[in-house]
Amino acid sequence: FLLALFKHLQLHVFELEDTHASVDKNSGHVEKILDWIE
């Protein structure tokens, strides 16, 4: 249910730019940035 809900919101409701771009390579860097800021 959660996966279906968030997928629908992602694709058909919010349609935020760049959400479909490849994030695998950069997600680790973003996590480190967020941890540092925290």
Full PDB file with SEQRES, HELIX, SHEET, SSBOND, CRYST1, ORIGX, SCALE, CONECT and MASTER records, all heavy atoms in Angstrom:
SEQRES   1 A   38  PHE LEU LEU ALA LEU PHE LYS HIS LEU GLN LEU HIS VAL          
SEQRES   2 A   38  PHE GLU LEU GLU ASP THR HIS ALA SER VAL ASP LYS ASN          
SEQRES   3 A   38  SER GLY HIS VAL GLU LYS ILE LEU ASP TRP ILE GLU              
HELIX    1 AA1 LEU A    2  HIS A    8  1                                   7    
HELIX    2 AA2 LEU A    9  PHE A   14  3                                   6    
HELIX    3 AA3 ASP A   24  ILE A   37  1                                  14    
CRYST1    1.000    1.000    1.000  90.00  90.00  90.00 P 1           1          
ORIGX1      1.000000  0.000000  0.000000        0.00000                         
ORIGX2      0.000000  1.000000  0.000000        0.00000                         
ORIGX3      0.000000  0.000000  1.000000        0.00000                         
SCALE1      1.000000  0.000000  0.000000        0.00000                         
SCALE2      0.000000  1.000000  0.000000        0.00000                         
SCALE3      0.000000  0.000000  1.000000        0.00000                         
ATOM      1  N   PHE A   1       0.827  -1.204   0.000  1.00  0.00           N  
ATOM      2  CA  PHE A   1       0.000   0.000   0.000  1.00  0.00           C  
ATOM      3  C   PHE A   1       0.865   1.259   0.000  1.00  0.00           C  
ATOM      4  O   PHE A   1       0.638   2.190  -0.786  1.00  0.00           O  
ATOM      5  CB  PHE A   1      -0.927   0.014   1.213  1.00  0.00           C  
ATOM      6  CG  PHE A   1      -1.522   1.363   1.512  1.00  0.00           C  
ATOM      7  CD1 PHE A   1      -2.461   1.930   0.659  1.00  0.00           C  
ATOM      8  CD2 PHE A   1      -1.121   2.078   2.634  1.00  0.00           C  
ATOM      9  CE1 PHE A   1      -2.998   3.187   0.920  1.00  0.00           C  
ATOM     10  CE2 PHE A   1      -1.656   3.332   2.909  1.00  0.00           C  
ATOM     11  CZ  PHE A   1      -2.600   3.887   2.046  1.00  0.00           C  
ATOM     12  N   LEU A   2       1.865   1.284   0.875  1.00  0.00           N  
ATOM     13  CA  LEU A   2       2.724   2.454   0.958  1.00  0.00           C  
ATOM     14  C   LEU A   2       3.482   2.694  -0.345  1.00  0.00           C  
ATOM     15  O   LEU A   2       3.573   3.822  -0.824  1.00  0.00           O  
ATOM     16  CB  LEU A   2       3.713   2.281   2.116  1.00  0.00           C  
ATOM     17  CG  LEU A   2       3.123   2.335   3.522  1.00  0.00           C  
ATOM     18  CD1 LEU A   2       4.208   2.052   4.546  1.00  0.00           C  
ATOM     19  CD2 LEU A   2       2.486   3.679   3.791  1.00  0.00           C  
ATOM     20  N   LEU A   3       4.009   1.629  -0.919  1.00  0.00           N  
ATOM     21  CA  LEU A   3       4.743   1.771  -2.171  1.00  0.00           C  
ATOM     22  C   LEU A   3       3.838   2.284  -3.287  1.00  0.00           C  
ATOM     23  O   LEU A   3       4.230   3.156  -4.073  1.00  0.00           O  
ATOM     24  CB  LEU A   3       5.383   0.444  -2.570  1.00  0.00           C  
ATOM     25  CG  LEU A   3       6.511  -0.066  -1.656  1.00  0.00           C  
ATOM     26  CD1 LEU A   3       7.007  -1.427  -2.135  1.00  0.00           C  
ATOM     27  CD2 LEU A   3       7.661   0.933  -1.611  1.00  0.00           C  
ATOM     28  N   ALA A   4       2.628   1.739  -3.361  1.00  0.00           N  
ATOM     29  CA  ALA A   4       1.687   2.184  -4.389  1.00  0.00           C  
ATOM     30  C   ALA A   4       1.286   3.638  -4.168  1.00  0.00           C  
ATOM     31  O   ALA A   4       1.198   4.431  -5.116  1.00  0.00           O  
ATOM     32  CB  ALA A   4       0.449   1.287  -4.390  1.00  0.00           C  
ATOM     33  N   LEU A   5       1.051   4.016  -2.921  1.00  0.00           N  
ATOM     34  CA  LEU A   5       0.662   5.385  -2.599  1.00  0.00           C  
ATOM     35  C   LEU A   5       1.757   6.378  -2.971  1.00  0.00           C  
ATOM     36  O   LEU A   5       1.514   7.368  -3.667  1.00  0.00           O  
ATOM     37  CB  LEU A   5       0.337   5.495  -1.110  1.00  0.00           C  
ATOM     38  CG  LEU A   5       0.075   6.912  -0.582  1.00  0.00           C  
ATOM     39  CD1 LEU A   5      -1.159   7.520  -1.234  1.00  0.00           C  
ATOM     40  CD2 LEU A   5      -0.055   6.907   0.934  1.00  0.00           C  
ATOM     41  N   PHE A   6       2.972   6.118  -2.513  1.00  0.00           N  
ATOM     42  CA  PHE A   6       4.058   7.059  -2.755  1.00  0.00           C  
ATOM     43  C   PHE A   6       4.440   7.105  -4.228  1.00  0.00           C  
ATOM     44  O   PHE A   6       4.823   8.157  -4.741  1.00  0.00           O  
ATOM     45  CB  PHE A   6       5.267   6.703  -1.891  1.00  0.00           C  
ATOM     46  CG  PHE A   6       4.990   6.798  -0.427  1.00  0.00           C  
ATOM     47  CD1 PHE A   6       5.503   5.865   0.453  1.00  0.00           C  
ATOM     48  CD2 PHE A   6       4.194   7.815   0.083  1.00  0.00           C  
ATOM     49  CE1 PHE A   6       5.247   5.945   1.801  1.00  0.00           C  
ATOM     50  CE2 PHE A   6       3.926   7.903   1.430  1.00  0.00           C  
ATOM     51  CZ  PHE A   6       4.449   6.965   2.300  1.00  0.00           C  
ATOM     52  N   LYS A   7       4.327   5.971  -4.905  1.00  0.00           N  
ATOM     53  CA  LYS A   7       4.628   5.971  -6.334  1.00  0.00           C  
ATOM     54  C   LYS A   7       3.617   6.829  -7.087  1.00  0.00           C  
ATOM     55  O   LYS A   7       3.977   7.590  -8.000  1.00  0.00           O  
ATOM     56  CB  LYS A   7       4.612   4.541  -6.882  1.00  0.00           C  
ATOM     57  CG  LYS A   7       5.241   4.411  -8.267  1.00  0.00           C  
ATOM     58  CD  LYS A   7       6.728   4.752  -8.216  1.00  0.00           C  
ATOM     59  CE  LYS A   7       7.407   4.550  -9.550  1.00  0.00           C  
ATOM     60  NZ  LYS A   7       8.848   4.903  -9.493  1.00  0.00           N  
ATOM     61  N   HIS A   8       2.344   6.723  -6.711  1.00  0.00           N  
ATOM     62  CA  HIS A   8       1.316   7.543  -7.361  1.00  0.00           C  
ATOM     63  C   HIS A   8       1.555   9.028  -7.080  1.00  0.00           C  
ATOM     64  O   HIS A   8       1.458   9.861  -7.991  1.00  0.00           O  
ATOM     65  CB  HIS A   8      -0.066   7.127  -6.866  1.00  0.00           C  
ATOM     66  CG  HIS A   8      -1.175   7.934  -7.474  1.00  0.00           C  
ATOM     67  ND1 HIS A   8      -1.644   7.716  -8.753  1.00  0.00           N  
ATOM     68  CD2 HIS A   8      -1.891   8.995  -6.990  1.00  0.00           C  
ATOM     69  CE1 HIS A   8      -2.602   8.582  -9.030  1.00  0.00           C  
ATOM     70  NE2 HIS A   8      -2.766   9.373  -7.972  1.00  0.00           N  
ATOM     71  N   LEU A   9       1.866   9.366  -5.838  1.00  0.00           N  
ATOM     72  CA  LEU A   9       2.133  10.759  -5.498  1.00  0.00           C  
ATOM     73  C   LEU A   9       3.344  11.280  -6.266  1.00  0.00           C  
ATOM     74  O   LEU A   9       3.349  12.412  -6.752  1.00  0.00           O  
ATOM     75  CB  LEU A   9       2.374  10.898  -3.993  1.00  0.00           C  
ATOM     76  CG  LEU A   9       1.182  10.605  -3.075  1.00  0.00           C  
ATOM     77  CD1 LEU A   9       1.616  10.694  -1.619  1.00  0.00           C  
ATOM     78  CD2 LEU A   9       0.027  11.552  -3.347  1.00  0.00           C  
ATOM     79  N   GLN A  10       4.355  10.443  -6.376  1.00  0.00           N  
ATOM     80  CA  GLN A  10       5.583  10.844  -7.050  1.00  0.00           C  
ATOM     81  C   GLN A  10       5.361  11.104  -8.535  1.00  0.00           C  
ATOM     82  O   GLN A  10       5.836  12.113  -9.080  1.00  0.00           O  
ATOM     83  CB  GLN A  10       6.644   9.746  -6.872  1.00  0.00           C  
ATOM     84  CG  GLN A  10       7.957  10.022  -7.580  1.00  0.00           C  
ATOM     85  CD  GLN A  10       8.883   8.832  -7.526  1.00  0.00           C  
ATOM     86  OE1 GLN A  10       8.532   7.770  -7.025  1.00  0.00           O  
ATOM     87  NE2 GLN A  10      10.089   8.989  -8.044  1.00  0.00           N  
ATOM     88  N   LEU A  11       4.615  10.227  -9.195  1.00  0.00           N  
ATOM     89  CA  LEU A  11       4.483  10.304 -10.650  1.00  0.00           C  
ATOM     90  C   LEU A  11       3.338  11.203 -11.113  1.00  0.00           C  
ATOM     91  O   LEU A  11       3.440  11.852 -12.162  1.00  0.00           O  
ATOM     92  CB  LEU A  11       4.273   8.905 -11.226  1.00  0.00           C  
ATOM     93  CG  LEU A  11       5.438   7.924 -11.082  1.00  0.00           C  
ATOM     94  CD1 LEU A  11       5.067   6.594 -11.695  1.00  0.00           C  
ATOM     95  CD2 LEU A  11       6.698   8.477 -11.719  1.00  0.00           C  
ATOM     96  N   HIS A  12       2.246  11.254 -10.332  1.00  0.00           N  
ATOM     97  CA  HIS A  12       1.031  11.875 -10.852  1.00  0.00           C  
ATOM     98  C   HIS A  12       0.519  13.066 -10.052  1.00  0.00           C  
ATOM     99  O   HIS A  12      -0.423  13.732 -10.500  1.00  0.00           O  
ATOM    100  CB  HIS A  12      -0.086  10.828 -10.940  1.00  0.00           C  
ATOM    101  CG  HIS A  12       0.282   9.627 -11.753  1.00  0.00           C  
ATOM    102  ND1 HIS A  12       0.485   9.698 -13.108  1.00  0.00           N  
ATOM    103  CD2 HIS A  12       0.496   8.334 -11.386  1.00  0.00           C  
ATOM    104  CE1 HIS A  12       0.799   8.483 -13.560  1.00  0.00           C  
ATOM    105  NE2 HIS A  12       0.813   7.650 -12.535  1.00  0.00           N  
ATOM    106  N   VAL A  13       1.085  13.322  -8.890  1.00  0.00           N  
ATOM    107  CA  VAL A  13       0.573  14.414  -8.072  1.00  0.00           C  
ATOM    108  C   VAL A  13       1.606  15.531  -7.952  1.00  0.00           C  
ATOM    109  O   VAL A  13       1.412  16.629  -8.470  1.00  0.00           O  
ATOM    110  CB  VAL A  13       0.145  13.919  -6.674  1.00  0.00           C  
ATOM    111  CG1 VAL A  13      -0.365  15.081  -5.819  1.00  0.00           C  
ATOM    112  CG2 VAL A  13      -0.939  12.853  -6.814  1.00  0.00           C  
ATOM    113  N   PHE A  14       2.716  15.252  -7.308  1.00  0.00           N  
ATOM    114  CA  PHE A  14       3.692  16.307  -7.067  1.00  0.00           C  
ATOM    115  C   PHE A  14       4.556  16.581  -8.298  1.00  0.00           C  
ATOM    116  O   PHE A  14       4.909  17.713  -8.578  1.00  0.00           O  
ATOM    117  CB  PHE A  14       4.577  15.956  -5.871  1.00  0.00           C  
ATOM    118  CG  PHE A  14       3.833  16.059  -4.577  1.00  0.00           C  
ATOM    119  CD1 PHE A  14       3.159  14.966  -4.063  1.00  0.00           C  
ATOM    120  CD2 PHE A  14       3.782  17.249  -3.886  1.00  0.00           C  
ATOM    121  CE1 PHE A  14       2.463  15.058  -2.869  1.00  0.00           C  
ATOM    122  CE2 PHE A  14       3.084  17.357  -2.694  1.00  0.00           C  
ATOM    123  CZ  PHE A  14       2.423  16.260  -2.190  1.00  0.00           C  
ATOM    124  N   GLU A  15       4.915  15.531  -9.027  1.00  0.00           N  
ATOM    125  CA  GLU A  15       5.689  15.680 -10.255  1.00  0.00           C  
ATOM    126  C   GLU A  15       6.877  16.621 -10.046  1.00  0.00           C  
ATOM    127  O   GLU A  15       7.127  17.539 -10.819  1.00  0.00           O  
ATOM    128  CB  GLU A  15       4.810  16.197 -11.400  1.00  0.00           C  
ATOM    129  CG  GLU A  15       3.683  15.239 -11.741  1.00  0.00           C  
ATOM    130  CD  GLU A  15       2.796  15.753 -12.859  1.00  0.00           C  
ATOM    131  OE1 GLU A  15       2.643  16.987 -12.969  1.00  0.00           O  
ATOM    132  OE2 GLU A  15       2.275  14.939 -13.620  1.00  0.00           O  
ATOM    133  N   LEU A  16       7.626  16.387  -8.980  1.00  0.00           N  
ATOM    134  CA  LEU A  16       8.793  17.217  -8.691  1.00  0.00           C  
ATOM    135  C   LEU A  16       9.885  16.960  -9.709  1.00  0.00           C  
ATOM    136  O   LEU A  16      10.147  15.820 -10.081  1.00  0.00           O  
ATOM    137  CB  LEU A  16       9.332  16.917  -7.287  1.00  0.00           C  
ATOM    138  CG  LEU A  16       8.387  17.245  -6.124  1.00  0.00           C  
ATOM    139  CD1 LEU A  16       9.001  16.790  -4.824  1.00  0.00           C  
ATOM    140  CD2 LEU A  16       8.091  18.721  -6.080  1.00  0.00           C  
ATOM    141  N   GLU A  17      10.517  18.032 -10.144  1.00  0.00           N  
ATOM    142  CA  GLU A  17      11.575  17.873 -11.119  1.00  0.00           C  
ATOM    143  C   GLU A  17      12.736  17.100 -10.505  1.00  0.00           C  
ATOM    144  O   GLU A  17      12.981  17.136  -9.312  1.00  0.00           O  
ATOM    145  CB  GLU A  17      12.068  19.240 -11.608  1.00  0.00           C  
ATOM    146  CG  GLU A  17      12.797  20.067 -10.572  1.00  0.00           C  
ATOM    147  CD  GLU A  17      11.858  20.802  -9.648  1.00  0.00           C  
ATOM    148  OE1 GLU A  17      10.638  20.601  -9.757  1.00  0.00           O  
ATOM    149  OE2 GLU A  17      12.349  21.569  -8.810  1.00  0.00           O  
ATOM    150  N   ASP A  18      13.427  16.360 -11.347  1.00  0.00           N  
ATOM    151  CA  ASP A  18      14.637  15.623 -10.983  1.00  0.00           C  
ATOM    152  C   ASP A  18      14.372  14.374 -10.146  1.00  0.00           C  
ATOM    153  O   ASP A  18      15.312  13.680  -9.777  1.00  0.00           O  
ATOM    154  CB  ASP A  18      15.640  16.497 -10.206  1.00  0.00           C  
ATOM    155  CG  ASP A  18      16.116  17.673 -11.026  1.00  0.00           C  
ATOM    156  OD1 ASP A  18      16.258  17.530 -12.262  1.00  0.00           O  
ATOM    157  OD2 ASP A  18      16.326  18.733 -10.438  1.00  0.00           O  
ATOM    158  N   THR A  19      13.107  14.050  -9.820  1.00  0.00           N  
ATOM    159  CA  THR A  19      12.870  12.868  -9.002  1.00  0.00           C  
ATOM    160  C   THR A  19      13.098  11.594  -9.797  1.00  0.00           C  
ATOM    161  O   THR A  19      13.249  10.530  -9.215  1.00  0.00           O  
ATOM    162  CB  THR A  19      11.432  12.842  -8.441  1.00  0.00           C  
ATOM    163  OG1 THR A  19      10.504  12.981  -9.522  1.00  0.00           O  
ATOM    164  CG2 THR A  19      11.234  13.963  -7.460  1.00  0.00           C  
ATOM    165  N   HIS A  20      13.139  11.682 -11.126  1.00  0.00           N  
ATOM    166  CA  HIS A  20      13.364  10.495 -11.934  1.00  0.00           C  
ATOM    167  C   HIS A  20      14.824  10.369 -12.360  1.00  0.00           C  
ATOM    168  O   HIS A  20      15.199   9.428 -13.029  1.00  0.00           O  
ATOM    169  CB  HIS A  20      12.470  10.543 -13.182  1.00  0.00           C  
ATOM    170  CG  HIS A  20      11.030  10.730 -12.851  1.00  0.00           C  
ATOM    171  ND1 HIS A  20      10.289   9.803 -12.169  1.00  0.00           N  
ATOM    172  CD2 HIS A  20      10.188  11.778 -13.078  1.00  0.00           C  
ATOM    173  CE1 HIS A  20       9.052  10.237 -12.005  1.00  0.00           C  
ATOM    174  NE2 HIS A  20       8.974  11.439 -12.548  1.00  0.00           N  
ATOM    175  N   ALA A  21      15.628  11.346 -11.987  1.00  0.00           N  
ATOM    176  CA  ALA A  21      17.036  11.266 -12.342  1.00  0.00           C  
ATOM    177  C   ALA A  21      17.716  10.186 -11.524  1.00  0.00           C  
ATOM    178  O   ALA A  21      17.240   9.772 -10.467  1.00  0.00           O  
ATOM    179  CB  ALA A  21      17.698  12.614 -12.084  1.00  0.00           C  
ATOM    180  N   SER A  22      18.846   9.721 -12.001  1.00  0.00           N  
ATOM    181  CA  SER A  22      19.578   8.684 -11.285  1.00  0.00           C  
ATOM    182  C   SER A  22      20.078   9.234  -9.961  1.00  0.00           C  
ATOM    183  O   SER A  22      20.765  10.254  -9.912  1.00  0.00           O  
ATOM    184  CB  SER A  22      20.777   8.201 -12.111  1.00  0.00           C  
ATOM    185  OG  SER A  22      21.533   7.272 -11.371  1.00  0.00           O  
ATOM    186  N   VAL A  23      19.713   8.585  -8.859  1.00  0.00           N  
ATOM    187  CA  VAL A  23      20.116   9.062  -7.549  1.00  0.00           C  
ATOM    188  C   VAL A  23      21.004   8.066  -6.824  1.00  0.00           C  
ATOM    189  O   VAL A  23      21.476   8.347  -5.732  1.00  0.00           O  
ATOM    190  CB  VAL A  23      18.871   9.364  -6.674  1.00  0.00           C  
ATOM    191  CG1 VAL A  23      18.056  10.483  -7.284  1.00  0.00           C  
ATOM    192  CG2 VAL A  23      18.018   8.117  -6.493  1.00  0.00           C  
ATOM    193  N   ASP A  24      21.241   6.898  -7.426  1.00  0.00           N  
ATOM    194  CA  ASP A  24      22.011   5.859  -6.750  1.00  0.00           C  
ATOM    195  C   ASP A  24      23.422   6.344  -6.399  1.00  0.00           C  
ATOM    196  O   ASP A  24      23.893   6.170  -5.282  1.00  0.00           O  
ATOM    197  CB  ASP A  24      22.099   4.614  -7.633  1.00  0.00           C  
ATOM    198  CG  ASP A  24      20.735   4.064  -7.982  1.00  0.00           C  
ATOM    199  OD1 ASP A  24      20.180   3.325  -7.168  1.00  0.00           O  
ATOM    200  OD2 ASP A  24      20.233   4.409  -9.062  1.00  0.00           O  
ATOM    201  N   LYS A  25      24.076   6.977  -7.358  1.00  0.00           N  
ATOM    202  CA  LYS A  25      25.455   7.400  -7.167  1.00  0.00           C  
ATOM    203  C   LYS A  25      25.564   8.516  -6.151  1.00  0.00           C  
ATOM    204  O   LYS A  25      26.533   8.589  -5.379  1.00  0.00           O  
ATOM    205  CB  LYS A  25      26.039   7.858  -8.517  1.00  0.00           C  
ATOM    206  CG  LYS A  25      27.474   8.335  -8.425  1.00  0.00           C  
ATOM    207  CD  LYS A  25      27.973   8.756  -9.795  1.00  0.00           C  
ATOM    208  CE  LYS A  25      29.399   9.283  -9.722  1.00  0.00           C  
ATOM    209  NZ  LYS A  25      29.895   9.709 -11.051  1.00  0.00           N  
ATOM    210  N   ASN A  26      24.581   9.403  -6.127  1.00  0.00           N  
ATOM    211  CA  ASN A  26      24.685  10.602  -5.300  1.00  0.00           C  
ATOM    212  C   ASN A  26      23.987  10.508  -3.953  1.00  0.00           C  
ATOM    213  O   ASN A  26      24.181  11.379  -3.108  1.00  0.00           O  
ATOM    214  CB  ASN A  26      24.117  11.799  -6.069  1.00  0.00           C  
ATOM    215  CG  ASN A  26      24.911  12.103  -7.328  1.00  0.00           C  
ATOM    216  OD1 ASN A  26      26.126  11.995  -7.347  1.00  0.00           O  
ATOM    217  ND2 ASN A  26      24.210  12.488  -8.390  1.00  0.00           N  
ATOM    218  N   SER A  27      23.143   9.491  -3.754  1.00  0.00           N  
ATOM    219  CA  SER A  27      22.361   9.427  -2.524  1.00  0.00           C  
ATOM    220  C   SER A  27      23.258   9.336  -1.297  1.00  0.00           C  
ATOM    221  O   SER A  27      22.944   9.910  -0.252  1.00  0.00           O  
ATOM    222  CB  SER A  27      21.403   8.233  -2.565  1.00  0.00           C  
ATOM    223  OG  SER A  27      22.121   7.018  -2.700  1.00  0.00           O  
ATOM    224  N   GLY A  28      24.384   8.636  -1.414  1.00  0.00           N  
ATOM    225  CA  GLY A  28      25.301   8.528  -0.285  1.00  0.00           C  
ATOM    226  C   GLY A  28      25.878   9.866   0.101  1.00  0.00           C  
ATOM    227  O   GLY A  28      26.017  10.195   1.297  1.00  0.00           O  
ATOM    228  N   HIS A  29      26.232  10.689  -0.887  1.00  0.00           N  
ATOM    229  CA  HIS A  29      26.760  12.025  -0.602  1.00  0.00           C  
ATOM    230  C   HIS A  29      25.700  12.890   0.083  1.00  0.00           C  
ATOM    231  O   HIS A  29      26.003  13.631   1.029  1.00  0.00           O  
ATOM    232  CB  HIS A  29      27.216  12.701  -1.895  1.00  0.00           C  
ATOM    233  CG  HIS A  29      28.439  12.085  -2.507  1.00  0.00           C  
ATOM    234  ND1 HIS A  29      29.512  11.636  -1.762  1.00  0.00           N  
ATOM    235  CD2 HIS A  29      28.762  11.853  -3.808  1.00  0.00           C  
ATOM    236  CE1 HIS A  29      30.440  11.150  -2.555  1.00  0.00           C  
ATOM    237  NE2 HIS A  29      30.008  11.265  -3.811  1.00  0.00           N  
ATOM    238  N   VAL A  30      24.469  12.816  -0.402  1.00  0.00           N  
ATOM    239  CA  VAL A  30      23.397  13.622   0.186  1.00  0.00           C  
ATOM    240  C   VAL A  30      23.156  13.205   1.633  1.00  0.00           C  
ATOM    241  O   VAL A  30      22.952  14.053   2.512  1.00  0.00           O  
ATOM    242  CB  VAL A  30      22.105  13.512  -0.645  1.00  0.00           C  
ATOM    243  CG1 VAL A  30      20.954  14.227   0.048  1.00  0.00           C  
ATOM    244  CG2 VAL A  30      22.316  14.088  -2.033  1.00  0.00           C  
ATOM    245  N   GLU A  31      23.181  11.906   1.901  1.00  0.00           N  
ATOM    246  CA  GLU A  31      23.012  11.429   3.274  1.00  0.00           C  
ATOM    247  C   GLU A  31      24.099  11.981   4.178  1.00  0.00           C  
ATOM    248  O   GLU A  31      23.837  12.387   5.319  1.00  0.00           O  
ATOM    249  CB  GLU A  31      23.019   9.903   3.300  1.00  0.00           C  
ATOM    250  CG  GLU A  31      21.775   9.257   2.712  1.00  0.00           C  
ATOM    251  CD  GLU A  31      21.849   7.746   2.740  1.00  0.00           C  
ATOM    252  OE1 GLU A  31      22.844   7.212   3.289  1.00  0.00           O  
ATOM    253  OE2 GLU A  31      20.922   7.096   2.230  1.00  0.00           O  
ATOM    254  N   LYS A  32      25.331  12.029   3.685  1.00  0.00           N  
ATOM    255  CA  LYS A  32      26.434  12.555   4.484  1.00  0.00           C  
ATOM    256  C   LYS A  32      26.270  14.048   4.723  1.00  0.00           C  
ATOM    257  O   LYS A  32      26.573  14.560   5.805  1.00  0.00           O  
ATOM    258  CB  LYS A  32      27.764  12.262   3.790  1.00  0.00           C  
ATOM    259  CG  LYS A  32      28.148  10.785   3.789  1.00  0.00           C  
ATOM    260  CD  LYS A  32      29.462  10.548   3.059  1.00  0.00           C  
ATOM    261  CE  LYS A  32      29.818   9.065   3.049  1.00  0.00           C  
ATOM    262  NZ  LYS A  32      31.085   8.812   2.292  1.00  0.00           N  
ATOM    263  N   ILE A  33      25.792  14.770   3.703  1.00  0.00           N  
ATOM    264  CA  ILE A  33      25.545  16.197   3.865  1.00  0.00           C  
ATOM    265  C   ILE A  33      24.476  16.430   4.934  1.00  0.00           C  
ATOM    266  O   ILE A  33      24.626  17.273   5.828  1.00  0.00           O  
ATOM    267  CB  ILE A  33      25.113  16.829   2.530  1.00  0.00           C  
ATOM    268  CG1 ILE A  33      26.254  16.775   1.513  1.00  0.00           C  
ATOM    269  CG2 ILE A  33      24.666  18.278   2.739  1.00  0.00           C  
ATOM    270  CD1 ILE A  33      25.842  17.191   0.113  1.00  0.00           C  
ATOM    271  N   LEU A  34      23.382  15.664   4.852  1.00  0.00           N  
ATOM    272  CA  LEU A  34      22.300  15.804   5.825  1.00  0.00           C  
ATOM    273  C   LEU A  34      22.779  15.460   7.233  1.00  0.00           C  
ATOM    274  O   LEU A  34      22.420  16.134   8.212  1.00  0.00           O  
ATOM    275  CB  LEU A  34      21.126  14.905   5.432  1.00  0.00           C  
ATOM    276  CG  LEU A  34      20.356  15.322   4.177  1.00  0.00           C  
ATOM    277  CD1 LEU A  34      19.369  14.234   3.768  1.00  0.00           C  
ATOM    278  CD2 LEU A  34      19.632  16.643   4.380  1.00  0.00           C  
ATOM    279  N   ASP A  35      23.590  14.397   7.345  1.00  0.00           N  
ATOM    280  CA  ASP A  35      24.123  14.019   8.655  1.00  0.00           C  
ATOM    281  C   ASP A  35      25.015  15.122   9.225  1.00  0.00           C  
ATOM    282  O   ASP A  35      24.957  15.427  10.422  1.00  0.00           O  
ATOM    283  CB  ASP A  35      24.918  12.711   8.552  1.00  0.00           C  
ATOM    284  CG  ASP A  35      24.017  11.503   8.315  1.00  0.00           C  
ATOM    285  OD1 ASP A  35      22.811  11.607   8.576  1.00  0.00           O  
ATOM    286  OD2 ASP A  35      24.529  10.458   7.864  1.00  0.00           O  
ATOM    287  N   TRP A  36      25.834  15.718   8.358  1.00  0.00           N  
ATOM    288  CA  TRP A  36      26.734  16.785   8.810  1.00  0.00           C  
ATOM    289  C   TRP A  36      25.929  17.996   9.271  1.00  0.00           C  
ATOM    290  O   TRP A  36      26.216  18.581  10.317  1.00  0.00           O  
ATOM    291  CB  TRP A  36      27.682  17.175   7.681  1.00  0.00           C  
ATOM    292  CG  TRP A  36      28.770  18.113   8.102  1.00  0.00           C  
ATOM    293  CD1 TRP A  36      30.014  17.789   8.573  1.00  0.00           C  
ATOM    294  CD2 TRP A  36      28.708  19.550   8.098  1.00  0.00           C  
ATOM    295  NE1 TRP A  36      30.733  18.918   8.863  1.00  0.00           N  
ATOM    296  CE2 TRP A  36      29.946  20.026   8.584  1.00  0.00           C  
ATOM    297  CE3 TRP A  36      27.735  20.474   7.736  1.00  0.00           C  
ATOM    298  CZ2 TRP A  36      30.236  21.374   8.707  1.00  0.00           C  
ATOM    299  CZ3 TRP A  36      28.010  21.830   7.876  1.00  0.00           C  
ATOM    300  CH2 TRP A  36      29.250  22.279   8.344  1.00  0.00           C  
ATOM    301  N   ILE A  37      24.918  18.356   8.506  1.00  0.00           N  
ATOM    302  CA  ILE A  37      24.076  19.492   8.882  1.00  0.00           C  
ATOM    303  C   ILE A  37      23.364  19.216  10.197  1.00  0.00           C  
ATOM    304  O   ILE A  37      23.237  20.099  11.053  1.00  0.00           O  
ATOM    305  CB  ILE A  37      23.068  19.806   7.765  1.00  0.00           C  
ATOM    306  CG1 ILE A  37      23.800  20.334   6.520  1.00  0.00           C  
ATOM    307  CG2 ILE A  37      22.031  20.831   8.240  1.00  0.00           C  
ATOM    308  CD1 ILE A  37      22.895  20.542   5.325  1.00  0.00           C  
ATOM    309  N   GLU A  38      22.889  17.979  10.353  1.00  0.00           N  
ATOM    310  CA  GLU A  38      22.185  17.623  11.586  1.00  0.00           C  
ATOM    311  C   GLU A  38      23.071  17.823  12.810  1.00  0.00           C  
ATOM    312  O   GLU A  38      22.602  18.186  13.892  1.00  0.00           O  
ATOM    313  CB  GLU A  38      21.694  16.177  11.510  1.00  0.00           C  
ATOM    314  CG  GLU A  38      20.767  15.765  12.624  1.00  0.00           C  
ATOM    315  CD  GLU A  38      19.458  16.541  12.626  1.00  0.00           C  
ATOM    316  OE1 GLU A  38      19.020  17.006  11.551  1.00  0.00           O  
ATOM    317  OE2 GLU A  38      18.873  16.693  13.717  1.00  0.00           O  
TER     318      GLU A  38                                                      
MASTER        0    0    0    3    0    0    0    6  317    1    0    3          
END                                                                             
